[in-house]
Amino acid sequence: MNSTYKNYFTLLFLAIIWGSSFILMKRGLDVFDYKQVGSLRIFIAFLSLLPFLPKAFKLVQKKHYLPIVIMAILGNGIPAFLFTKAQTELSSSVVGILNALVPLFTLLLGIIFFKSRPSKTNFAGVLIALVGATLLTFSTMQEDLEINNYVFLVILATVFYAISINVIKKYLYDLNATAITSLAFIIIGPLSAVYLFSTDFIAITTTNENAYMALGYIALLSVIGTSVAVIIFNKLISNSSAIFASSVTYFIPIVAILWGVFDGEQINKYHIIGVSIILSGVYLVNKRKSIPR
């Protein structure tokens, strides 16, 4: 398959996975608090990646240690808690809008701190796609936009994602994607387990009749939405540019709309316009790959 088409296919596949993760997170929050959901997500993902660790340790070099720690904490650890906390007070629509800031922060931080030199076309593509994602998400909202301090948790998470993406592209490009992911989770997985089992997690699991169903949703979120998706995402960063890979966040509102259609909702003209703008912007983002390794 042509590498460009393969990258687009990977981007859409990731959008489907991550676009569906918010509902799984919500189901987990029906039983457990946001810290327990975040800890469970990380810990279960860590367990699912254990088989890949022996090979990962053979591949890792001393120069990879610090970048992997940064990726683990900023790319996978802290955001897991920021998003679950924010979703206790924000609608998925608002989170969808804010999540689309990742490519913009990726571009800006790449220029300022990582000596990236994206073209004007790339920059225009980021802004165009952001406009499309905002239009698409606003057209889907069923209630008035409510802004509160929890939006800053999501914004902070998007900044952390952007830092992690740039670090992976610049410092971990020569390391296998599966190795990167499994080594990152060995750092945060045991820590999340220590916290999880210090809470009333066991008591809730044994007394709440909906606990096992919630655990099933979180397990699906962990294995598919975290372990598998992060491996694919890290591979995409290596095969494309940091900005292009981060533009997966533009497609998440599209997935949300498709879930709505499946549930009987109607598509309007603003949906079509928003999707068209997003596709145009992402095309420009990927048109000239100018971010060096």
C-alpha atoms as a PDB file:
ATOM      1  CA  MET A   1       0.000   0.000   0.000  1.00  0.00           C
ATOM      2  CA  ASN A   2       1.243   3.527  -0.844  1.00  0.00           C
ATOM      3  CA  SER A   3       2.699   4.986   2.370  1.00  0.00           C
ATOM      4  CA  THR A   4       0.539   8.133   2.159  1.00  0.00           C
ATOM      5  CA  TYR A   5      -2.688   6.157   1.869  1.00  0.00           C
ATOM      6  CA  LYS A   6      -1.483   3.839   4.617  1.00  0.00           C
ATOM      7  CA  ASN A   7      -0.928   6.825   6.911  1.00  0.00           C
ATOM      8  CA  TYR A   8      -4.419   8.145   6.209  1.00  0.00           C
ATOM      9  CA  PHE A   9      -5.928   4.726   6.863  1.00  0.00           C
ATOM     10  CA  THR A  10      -4.013   4.488  10.147  1.00  0.00           C
ATOM     11  CA  LEU A  11      -5.198   7.972  11.123  1.00  0.00           C
ATOM     12  CA  LEU A  12      -8.842   7.039  10.525  1.00  0.00           C
ATOM     13  CA  PHE A  13      -8.453   3.750  12.364  1.00  0.00           C
ATOM     14  CA  LEU A  14      -7.031   5.551  15.406  1.00  0.00           C
ATOM     15  CA  ALA A  15      -9.839   8.101  15.260  1.00  0.00           C
ATOM     16  CA  ILE A  16     -12.391   5.296  15.411  1.00  0.00           C
ATOM     17  CA  ILE A  17     -10.691   3.794  18.470  1.00  0.00           C
ATOM     18  CA  TRP A  18     -10.164   7.045  20.359  1.00  0.00           C
ATOM     19  CA  GLY A  19     -13.451   8.547  19.237  1.00  0.00           C
ATOM     20  CA  SER A  20     -15.192   5.599  20.884  1.00  0.00           C
ATOM     21  CA  SER A  21     -13.137   5.774  24.079  1.00  0.00           C
ATOM     22  CA  PHE A  22     -15.082   8.628  25.651  1.00  0.00           C
ATOM     23  CA  ILE A  23     -18.219   6.529  26.014  1.00  0.00           C
ATOM     24  CA  LEU A  24     -16.169   3.728  27.605  1.00  0.00           C
ATOM     25  CA  MET A  25     -14.653   6.248  30.020  1.00  0.00           C
ATOM     26  CA  LYS A  26     -18.123   7.511  30.866  1.00  0.00           C
ATOM     27  CA  ARG A  27     -19.356   3.975  31.626  1.00  0.00           C
ATOM     28  CA  GLY A  28     -16.408   3.427  33.951  1.00  0.00           C
ATOM     29  CA  LEU A  29     -17.172   6.680  35.779  1.00  0.00           C
ATOM     30  CA  ASP A  30     -20.663   5.393  36.534  1.00  0.00           C
ATOM     31  CA  VAL A  31     -19.106   3.119  39.184  1.00  0.00           C
ATOM     32  CA  PHE A  32     -15.557   4.291  39.949  1.00  0.00           C
ATOM     33  CA  ASP A  33     -14.173   7.768  40.594  1.00  0.00           C
ATOM     34  CA  TYR A  34     -11.969   9.495  38.034  1.00  0.00           C
ATOM     35  CA  LYS A  35      -8.681   8.571  39.769  1.00  0.00           C
ATOM     36  CA  GLN A  36      -9.655   4.894  39.874  1.00  0.00           C
ATOM     37  CA  VAL A  37     -10.680   4.918  36.216  1.00  0.00           C
ATOM     38  CA  GLY A  38      -7.384   6.579  35.241  1.00  0.00           C
ATOM     39  CA  SER A  39      -5.366   4.149  37.366  1.00  0.00           C
ATOM     40  CA  LEU A  40      -7.247   1.115  36.039  1.00  0.00           C
ATOM     41  CA  ARG A  41      -6.749   2.256  32.462  1.00  0.00           C
ATOM     42  CA  ILE A  42      -2.985   2.542  32.939  1.00  0.00           C
ATOM     43  CA  PHE A  43      -2.585  -0.619  35.033  1.00  0.00           C
ATOM     44  CA  ILE A  44      -4.570  -2.895  32.693  1.00  0.00           C
ATOM     45  CA  ALA A  45      -2.697  -1.459  29.703  1.00  0.00           C
ATOM     46  CA  PHE A  46       0.564  -2.205  31.512  1.00  0.00           C
ATOM     47  CA  LEU A  47      -0.472  -5.831  32.095  1.00  0.00           C
ATOM     48  CA  SER A  48      -1.400  -6.274  28.433  1.00  0.00           C
ATOM     49  CA  LEU A  49       2.046  -5.009  27.355  1.00  0.00           C
ATOM     50  CA  LEU A  50       4.114  -7.268  29.649  1.00  0.00           C
ATOM     51  CA  PRO A  51       4.774  -9.911  26.936  1.00  0.00           C
ATOM     52  CA  PHE A  52       6.592  -7.281  24.848  1.00  0.00           C
ATOM     53  CA  LEU A  53       8.985  -6.138  27.581  1.00  0.00           C
ATOM     54  CA  PRO A  54      11.805  -8.722  27.126  1.00  0.00           C
ATOM     55  CA  LYS A  55      12.348  -7.698  23.513  1.00  0.00           C
ATOM     56  CA  ALA A  56      11.962  -4.021  24.393  1.00  0.00           C
ATOM     57  CA  PHE A  57      14.771  -4.181  26.965  1.00  0.00           C
ATOM     58  CA  LYS A  58      17.072  -5.633  24.293  1.00  0.00           C
ATOM     59  CA  LEU A  59      16.356  -2.734  21.926  1.00  0.00           C
ATOM     60  CA  VAL A  60      16.447   0.241  24.301  1.00  0.00           C
ATOM     61  CA  GLN A  61      19.630   2.309  24.587  1.00  0.00           C
ATOM     62  CA  LYS A  62      20.775   4.732  27.259  1.00  0.00           C
ATOM     63  CA  LYS A  63      19.861   7.735  25.089  1.00  0.00           C
ATOM     64  CA  HIS A  64      16.228   6.564  25.057  1.00  0.00           C
ATOM     65  CA  TYR A  65      15.695   6.562  28.834  1.00  0.00           C
ATOM     66  CA  LEU A  66      14.784  10.213  29.451  1.00  0.00           C
ATOM     67  CA  PRO A  67      12.559  10.572  26.341  1.00  0.00           C
ATOM     68  CA  ILE A  68      10.660   7.422  27.351  1.00  0.00           C
ATOM     69  CA  VAL A  69      10.121   8.792  30.859  1.00  0.00           C
ATOM     70  CA  ILE A  70       8.792  12.057  29.384  1.00  0.00           C
ATOM     71  CA  MET A  71       6.514  10.166  27.010  1.00  0.00           C
ATOM     72  CA  ALA A  72       5.273   7.909  29.822  1.00  0.00           C
ATOM     73  CA  ILE A  73       4.391  10.734  32.195  1.00  0.00           C
ATOM     74  CA  LEU A  74       3.216  13.450  29.791  1.00  0.00           C
ATOM     75  CA  GLY A  75       1.884  11.302  26.961  1.00  0.00           C
ATOM     76  CA  ASN A  76       0.135   8.550  28.887  1.00  0.00           C
ATOM     77  CA  GLY A  77       0.203   9.087  32.656  1.00  0.00           C
ATOM     78  CA  ILE A  78      -1.053  12.533  33.641  1.00  0.00           C
ATOM     79  CA  PRO A  79      -3.501  13.009  30.704  1.00  0.00           C
ATOM     80  CA  ALA A  80      -5.379   9.828  31.680  1.00  0.00           C
ATOM     81  CA  PHE A  81      -6.357  11.525  34.948  1.00  0.00           C
ATOM     82  CA  LEU A  82      -6.892  14.984  33.469  1.00  0.00           C
ATOM     83  CA  PHE A  83      -9.386  13.677  30.920  1.00  0.00           C
ATOM     84  CA  THR A  84     -11.349  11.542  33.365  1.00  0.00           C
ATOM     85  CA  LYS A  85     -11.521  14.430  35.846  1.00  0.00           C
ATOM     86  CA  ALA A  86     -12.608  16.890  33.146  1.00  0.00           C
ATOM     87  CA  GLN A  87     -15.274  14.548  31.869  1.00  0.00           C
ATOM     88  CA  THR A  88     -16.968  14.570  35.274  1.00  0.00           C
ATOM     89  CA  GLU A  89     -17.888  18.220  34.652  1.00  0.00           C
ATOM     90  CA  LEU A  90     -17.700  18.772  30.868  1.00  0.00           C
ATOM     91  CA  SER A  91     -19.720  17.371  27.997  1.00  0.00           C
ATOM     92  CA  SER A  92     -18.051  15.191  25.387  1.00  0.00           C
ATOM     93  CA  SER A  93     -18.722  17.944  22.832  1.00  0.00           C
ATOM     94  CA  VAL A  94     -16.647  20.495  24.728  1.00  0.00           C
ATOM     95  CA  VAL A  95     -13.880  17.949  25.296  1.00  0.00           C
ATOM     96  CA  GLY A  96     -13.952  17.200  21.562  1.00  0.00           C
ATOM     97  CA  ILE A  97     -13.394  20.848  20.682  1.00  0.00           C
ATOM     98  CA  LEU A  98     -10.542  21.265  23.159  1.00  0.00           C
ATOM     99  CA  ASN A  99      -8.897  17.979  22.146  1.00  0.00           C
ATOM    100  CA  ALA A 100      -8.530  19.360  18.625  1.00  0.00           C
ATOM    101  CA  LEU A 101      -5.904  21.790  19.974  1.00  0.00           C
ATOM    102  CA  VAL A 102      -3.274  19.010  20.024  1.00  0.00           C
ATOM    103  CA  PRO A 103      -1.982  19.569  16.439  1.00  0.00           C
ATOM    104  CA  LEU A 104      -1.729  23.320  16.998  1.00  0.00           C
ATOM    105  CA  PHE A 105       0.297  22.881  20.193  1.00  0.00           C
ATOM    106  CA  THR A 106       2.366  20.181  18.477  1.00  0.00           C
ATOM    107  CA  LEU A 107       3.238  22.609  15.702  1.00  0.00           C
ATOM    108  CA  LEU A 108       3.994  25.568  17.982  1.00  0.00           C
ATOM    109  CA  LEU A 109       6.045  23.609  20.533  1.00  0.00           C
ATOM    110  CA  GLY A 110       7.870  21.865  17.696  1.00  0.00           C
ATOM    111  CA  ILE A 111       8.951  25.224  16.278  1.00  0.00           C
ATOM    112  CA  ILE A 112       9.911  26.755  19.636  1.00  0.00           C
ATOM    113  CA  PHE A 113      11.634  23.850  21.398  1.00  0.00           C
ATOM    114  CA  PHE A 114      12.358  21.088  18.863  1.00  0.00           C
ATOM    115  CA  LYS A 115      13.737  23.094  15.907  1.00  0.00           C
ATOM    116  CA  SER A 116      10.957  21.941  13.597  1.00  0.00           C
ATOM    117  CA  ARG A 117      10.389  23.887  10.402  1.00  0.00           C
ATOM    118  CA  PRO A 118       6.902  23.168   9.072  1.00  0.00           C
ATOM    119  CA  SER A 119       5.877  24.851   5.854  1.00  0.00           C
ATOM    120  CA  LYS A 120       3.270  27.596   5.579  1.00  0.00           C
ATOM    121  CA  THR A 121       1.052  24.971   3.971  1.00  0.00           C
ATOM    122  CA  ASN A 122       1.322  22.766   7.060  1.00  0.00           C
ATOM    123  CA  PHE A 123       0.519  25.699   9.330  1.00  0.00           C
ATOM    124  CA  ALA A 124      -2.498  26.679   7.232  1.00  0.00           C
ATOM    125  CA  GLY A 125      -3.692  23.066   7.276  1.00  0.00           C
ATOM    126  CA  VAL A 126      -3.601  22.967  11.094  1.00  0.00           C
ATOM    127  CA  LEU A 127      -5.683  26.132  11.382  1.00  0.00           C
ATOM    128  CA  ILE A 128      -8.165  25.085   8.681  1.00  0.00           C
ATOM    129  CA  ALA A 129      -8.711  21.659  10.242  1.00  0.00           C
ATOM    130  CA  LEU A 130      -9.149  23.258  13.680  1.00  0.00           C
ATOM    131  CA  VAL A 131     -11.893  25.502  12.272  1.00  0.00           C
ATOM    132  CA  GLY A 132     -13.565  22.443  10.727  1.00  0.00           C
ATOM    133  CA  ALA A 133     -13.400  20.455  13.977  1.00  0.00           C
ATOM    134  CA  THR A 134     -14.885  23.377  15.922  1.00  0.00           C
ATOM    135  CA  LEU A 135     -17.732  23.827  13.420  1.00  0.00           C
ATOM    136  CA  LEU A 136     -18.414  20.103  13.397  1.00  0.00           C
ATOM    137  CA  THR A 137     -18.509  19.838  17.171  1.00  0.00           C
ATOM    138  CA  PHE A 138     -20.685  22.929  17.666  1.00  0.00           C
ATOM    139  CA  SER A 139     -23.173  21.577  15.127  1.00  0.00           C
ATOM    140  CA  THR A 140     -23.455  18.375  17.162  1.00  0.00           C
ATOM    141  CA  MET A 141     -23.998  19.961  20.570  1.00  0.00           C
ATOM    142  CA  GLN A 142     -27.460  19.568  22.007  1.00  0.00           C
ATOM    143  CA  GLU A 143     -27.005  22.028  24.875  1.00  0.00           C
ATOM    144  CA  ASP A 144     -25.497  25.457  25.388  1.00  0.00           C
ATOM    145  CA  LEU A 145     -21.745  25.675  25.598  1.00  0.00           C
ATOM    146  CA  GLU A 146     -20.721  25.731  29.229  1.00  0.00           C
ATOM    147  CA  ILE A 147     -17.231  26.899  30.074  1.00  0.00           C
ATOM    148  CA  ASN A 148     -15.698  26.336  33.510  1.00  0.00           C
ATOM    149  CA  ASN A 149     -12.286  25.757  35.017  1.00  0.00           C
ATOM    150  CA  TYR A 150     -12.300  22.115  33.939  1.00  0.00           C
ATOM    151  CA  VAL A 151     -11.537  23.175  30.367  1.00  0.00           C
ATOM    152  CA  PHE A 152      -8.027  24.025  31.539  1.00  0.00           C
ATOM    153  CA  LEU A 153      -7.487  20.388  32.523  1.00  0.00           C
ATOM    154  CA  VAL A 154      -8.158  19.328  28.927  1.00  0.00           C
ATOM    155  CA  ILE A 155      -6.010  22.137  27.526  1.00  0.00           C
ATOM    156  CA  LEU A 156      -3.163  21.102  29.835  1.00  0.00           C
ATOM    157  CA  ALA A 157      -3.565  17.503  28.652  1.00  0.00           C
ATOM    158  CA  THR A 158      -3.328  18.614  25.006  1.00  0.00           C
ATOM    159  CA  VAL A 159      -0.099  20.512  25.772  1.00  0.00           C
ATOM    160  CA  PHE A 160       1.347  17.389  27.422  1.00  0.00           C
ATOM    161  CA  TYR A 161       0.317  15.303  24.394  1.00  0.00           C
ATOM    162  CA  ALA A 162       2.022  17.795  22.092  1.00  0.00           C
ATOM    163  CA  ILE A 163       5.270  17.635  24.081  1.00  0.00           C
ATOM    164  CA  SER A 164       5.182  13.827  24.060  1.00  0.00           C
ATOM    165  CA  ILE A 165       4.550  13.668  20.307  1.00  0.00           C
ATOM    166  CA  ASN A 166       7.489  15.956  19.551  1.00  0.00           C
ATOM    167  CA  VAL A 167       9.755  13.977  21.901  1.00  0.00           C
ATOM    168  CA  ILE A 168       8.813  10.691  20.203  1.00  0.00           C
ATOM    169  CA  LYS A 169       9.440  12.123  16.749  1.00  0.00           C
ATOM    170  CA  LYS A 170      12.777  13.711  17.608  1.00  0.00           C
ATOM    171  CA  TYR A 171      14.332  11.294  20.103  1.00  0.00           C
ATOM    172  CA  LEU A 172      12.606   7.914  19.755  1.00  0.00           C
ATOM    173  CA  TYR A 173      12.271   7.596  15.976  1.00  0.00           C
ATOM    174  CA  ASP A 174      14.827   4.778  15.880  1.00  0.00           C
ATOM    175  CA  LEU A 175      13.077   2.633  18.502  1.00  0.00           C
ATOM    176  CA  ASN A 176      10.357   0.088  17.742  1.00  0.00           C
ATOM    177  CA  ALA A 177       6.849   1.442  18.465  1.00  0.00           C
ATOM    178  CA  THR A 178       5.908  -1.572  20.570  1.00  0.00           C
ATOM    179  CA  ALA A 179       9.108  -1.221  22.594  1.00  0.00           C
ATOM    180  CA  ILE A 180       8.472   2.480  23.201  1.00  0.00           C
ATOM    181  CA  THR A 181       4.965   1.797  24.460  1.00  0.00           C
ATOM    182  CA  SER A 182       5.753  -1.185  26.681  1.00  0.00           C
ATOM    183  CA  LEU A 183       8.737   0.582  28.273  1.00  0.00           C
ATOM    184  CA  ALA A 184       6.634   3.674  28.939  1.00  0.00           C
ATOM    185  CA  PHE A 185       3.960   1.684  30.729  1.00  0.00           C
ATOM    186  CA  ILE A 186       6.431  -0.193  32.916  1.00  0.00           C
ATOM    187  CA  ILE A 187       7.200   3.225  34.420  1.00  0.00           C
ATOM    188  CA  ILE A 188       3.612   4.304  35.133  1.00  0.00           C
ATOM    189  CA  GLY A 189       1.853   0.912  35.386  1.00  0.00           C
ATOM    190  CA  PRO A 190       3.176  -0.225  38.803  1.00  0.00           C
ATOM    191  CA  LEU A 191       2.684   3.291  40.240  1.00  0.00           C
ATOM    192  CA  SER A 192      -0.954   3.293  39.143  1.00  0.00           C
ATOM    193  CA  ALA A 193      -1.441  -0.143  40.745  1.00  0.00           C
ATOM    194  CA  VAL A 194      -0.022   1.064  44.076  1.00  0.00           C
ATOM    195  CA  TYR A 195      -2.464   3.958  44.101  1.00  0.00           C
ATOM    196  CA  LEU A 196      -5.434   1.901  42.857  1.00  0.00           C
ATOM    197  CA  PHE A 197      -5.199  -0.731  45.583  1.00  0.00           C
ATOM    198  CA  SER A 198      -4.794   1.946  48.261  1.00  0.00           C
ATOM    199  CA  THR A 199      -8.326   3.165  47.488  1.00  0.00           C
ATOM    200  CA  ASP A 200     -11.681   1.493  48.098  1.00  0.00           C
ATOM    201  CA  PHE A 201     -11.479  -0.143  44.665  1.00  0.00           C
ATOM    202  CA  ILE A 202     -11.785  -3.700  46.051  1.00  0.00           C
ATOM    203  CA  ALA A 203     -14.741  -2.753  48.258  1.00  0.00           C
ATOM    204  CA  ILE A 204     -16.577  -1.142  45.334  1.00  0.00           C
ATOM    205  CA  THR A 205     -15.873  -4.120  43.084  1.00  0.00           C
ATOM    206  CA  THR A 206     -17.269  -6.601  45.606  1.00  0.00           C
ATOM    207  CA  THR A 207     -20.349  -4.592  46.616  1.00  0.00           C
ATOM    208  CA  ASN A 208     -21.505  -2.724  43.516  1.00  0.00           C
ATOM    209  CA  GLU A 209     -23.567  -4.919  41.191  1.00  0.00           C
ATOM    210  CA  ASN A 210     -22.471  -2.890  38.162  1.00  0.00           C
ATOM    211  CA  ALA A 211     -18.762  -3.007  38.988  1.00  0.00           C
ATOM    212  CA  TYR A 212     -17.817  -5.923  36.731  1.00  0.00           C
ATOM    213  CA  MET A 213     -19.615  -4.392  33.782  1.00  0.00           C
ATOM    214  CA  ALA A 214     -17.751  -1.132  34.383  1.00  0.00           C
ATOM    215  CA  LEU A 215     -14.482  -3.077  34.671  1.00  0.00           C
ATOM    216  CA  GLY A 216     -15.221  -4.671  31.305  1.00  0.00           C
ATOM    217  CA  TYR A 217     -15.649  -1.251  29.692  1.00  0.00           C
ATOM    218  CA  ILE A 218     -12.426   0.008  31.288  1.00  0.00           C
ATOM    219  CA  ALA A 219     -10.542  -3.134  30.223  1.00  0.00           C
ATOM    220  CA  LEU A 220     -11.670  -2.559  26.627  1.00  0.00           C
ATOM    221  CA  LEU A 221     -10.603   1.074  26.941  1.00  0.00           C
ATOM    222  CA  SER A 222      -7.219  -0.025  28.317  1.00  0.00           C
ATOM    223  CA  VAL A 223      -6.297  -2.775  25.877  1.00  0.00           C
ATOM    224  CA  ILE A 224      -7.734  -1.395  22.642  1.00  0.00           C
ATOM    225  CA  GLY A 225      -7.993   2.309  23.380  1.00  0.00           C
ATOM    226  CA  THR A 226      -4.621   2.554  25.134  1.00  0.00           C
ATOM    227  CA  SER A 227      -2.156  -0.316  24.532  1.00  0.00           C
ATOM    228  CA  VAL A 228      -2.988  -1.117  20.900  1.00  0.00           C
ATOM    229  CA  ALA A 229      -3.809   2.460  19.930  1.00  0.00           C
ATOM    230  CA  VAL A 230      -0.635   3.950  21.450  1.00  0.00           C
ATOM    231  CA  ILE A 231       1.531   1.405  19.633  1.00  0.00           C
ATOM    232  CA  ILE A 232      -0.155   2.263  16.333  1.00  0.00           C
ATOM    233  CA  PHE A 233       0.088   5.976  17.082  1.00  0.00           C
ATOM    234  CA  ASN A 234       3.812   5.794  17.871  1.00  0.00           C
ATOM    235  CA  LYS A 235       4.344   3.927  14.606  1.00  0.00           C
ATOM    236  CA  LEU A 236       2.401   6.607  12.733  1.00  0.00           C
ATOM    237  CA  ILE A 237       4.602   9.340  14.244  1.00  0.00           C
ATOM    238  CA  SER A 238       7.679   7.512  12.934  1.00  0.00           C
ATOM    239  CA  ASN A 239       6.171   7.035   9.474  1.00  0.00           C
ATOM    240  CA  SER A 240       4.798  10.547   9.000  1.00  0.00           C
ATOM    241  CA  SER A 241       5.211  13.879  10.782  1.00  0.00           C
ATOM    242  CA  ALA A 242       4.407  14.875  14.336  1.00  0.00           C
ATOM    243  CA  ILE A 243       1.741  17.320  13.142  1.00  0.00           C
ATOM    244  CA  PHE A 244       0.087  14.800  10.833  1.00  0.00           C
ATOM    245  CA  ALA A 245      -0.070  12.128  13.523  1.00  0.00           C
ATOM    246  CA  SER A 246      -1.532  14.578  16.033  1.00  0.00           C
ATOM    247  CA  SER A 247      -4.265  15.536  13.550  1.00  0.00           C
ATOM    248  CA  VAL A 248      -6.073  12.341  14.571  1.00  0.00           C
ATOM    249  CA  THR A 249      -7.843  14.595  17.087  1.00  0.00           C
ATOM    250  CA  TYR A 250      -9.613  16.366  14.215  1.00  0.00           C
ATOM    251  CA  PHE A 251     -11.331  13.133  13.231  1.00  0.00           C
ATOM    252  CA  ILE A 252     -12.629  12.288  16.690  1.00  0.00           C
ATOM    253  CA  PRO A 253     -15.721  14.556  16.325  1.00  0.00           C
ATOM    254  CA  ILE A 254     -16.466  12.781  13.031  1.00  0.00           C
ATOM    255  CA  VAL A 255     -16.505   9.456  14.858  1.00  0.00           C
ATOM    256  CA  ALA A 256     -18.810  10.962  17.471  1.00  0.00           C
ATOM    257  CA  ILE A 257     -21.232  11.975  14.733  1.00  0.00           C
ATOM    258  CA  LEU A 258     -21.148   8.488  13.214  1.00  0.00           C
ATOM    259  CA  TRP A 259     -22.023   7.061  16.640  1.00  0.00           C
ATOM    260  CA  GLY A 260     -24.920   9.527  16.697  1.00  0.00           C
ATOM    261  CA  VAL A 261     -26.139   8.406  13.282  1.00  0.00           C
ATOM    262  CA  PHE A 262     -25.979   4.803  14.478  1.00  0.00           C
ATOM    263  CA  ASP A 263     -28.147   5.905  17.400  1.00  0.00           C
ATOM    264  CA  GLY A 264     -30.724   7.524  15.111  1.00  0.00           C
ATOM    265  CA  GLU A 265     -29.465  11.104  14.906  1.00  0.00           C
ATOM    266  CA  GLN A 266     -29.588  13.085  11.674  1.00  0.00           C
ATOM    267  CA  ILE A 267     -26.699  14.556   9.677  1.00  0.00           C
ATOM    268  CA  ASN A 268     -27.106  18.229   8.721  1.00  0.00           C
ATOM    269  CA  LYS A 269     -25.323  20.513   6.261  1.00  0.00           C
ATOM    270  CA  TYR A 270     -22.944  21.798   8.933  1.00  0.00           C
ATOM    271  CA  HIS A 271     -21.705  18.255   9.501  1.00  0.00           C
ATOM    272  CA  ILE A 272     -20.886  17.923   5.810  1.00  0.00           C
ATOM    273  CA  ILE A 273     -19.169  21.320   5.703  1.00  0.00           C
ATOM    274  CA  GLY A 274     -17.194  20.585   8.876  1.00  0.00           C
ATOM    275  CA  VAL A 275     -15.980  17.201   7.616  1.00  0.00           C
ATOM    276  CA  SER A 276     -14.976  18.726   4.271  1.00  0.00           C
ATOM    277  CA  ILE A 277     -12.978  21.479   5.987  1.00  0.00           C
ATOM    278  CA  ILE A 278     -11.224  18.948   8.236  1.00  0.00           C
ATOM    279  CA  LEU A 279     -10.260  16.727   5.305  1.00  0.00           C
ATOM    280  CA  SER A 280      -8.905  19.739   3.407  1.00  0.00           C
ATOM    281  CA  GLY A 281      -6.871  20.867   6.392  1.00  0.00           C
ATOM    282  CA  VAL A 282      -5.403  17.430   7.103  1.00  0.00           C
ATOM    283  CA  TYR A 283      -4.441  17.102   3.435  1.00  0.00           C
ATOM    284  CA  LEU A 284      -2.481  20.363   3.691  1.00  0.00           C
ATOM    285  CA  VAL A 285      -0.887  19.222   6.967  1.00  0.00           C
ATOM    286  CA  ASN A 286       0.505  16.138   5.227  1.00  0.00           C
ATOM    287  CA  LYS A 287       1.280  17.719   1.856  1.00  0.00           C
ATOM    288  CA  ARG A 288       4.906  18.629   2.493  1.00  0.00           C
ATOM    289  CA  LYS A 289       6.700  16.706   5.209  1.00  0.00           C
ATOM    290  CA  SER A 290       9.174  19.200   6.552  1.00  0.00           C
ATOM    291  CA  ILE A 291       9.597  18.167  10.185  1.00  0.00           C
ATOM    292  CA  PRO A 292      13.053  16.615  10.497  1.00  0.00           C
ATOM    293  CA  ARG A 293      14.007  13.785  12.743  1.00  0.00           C
END
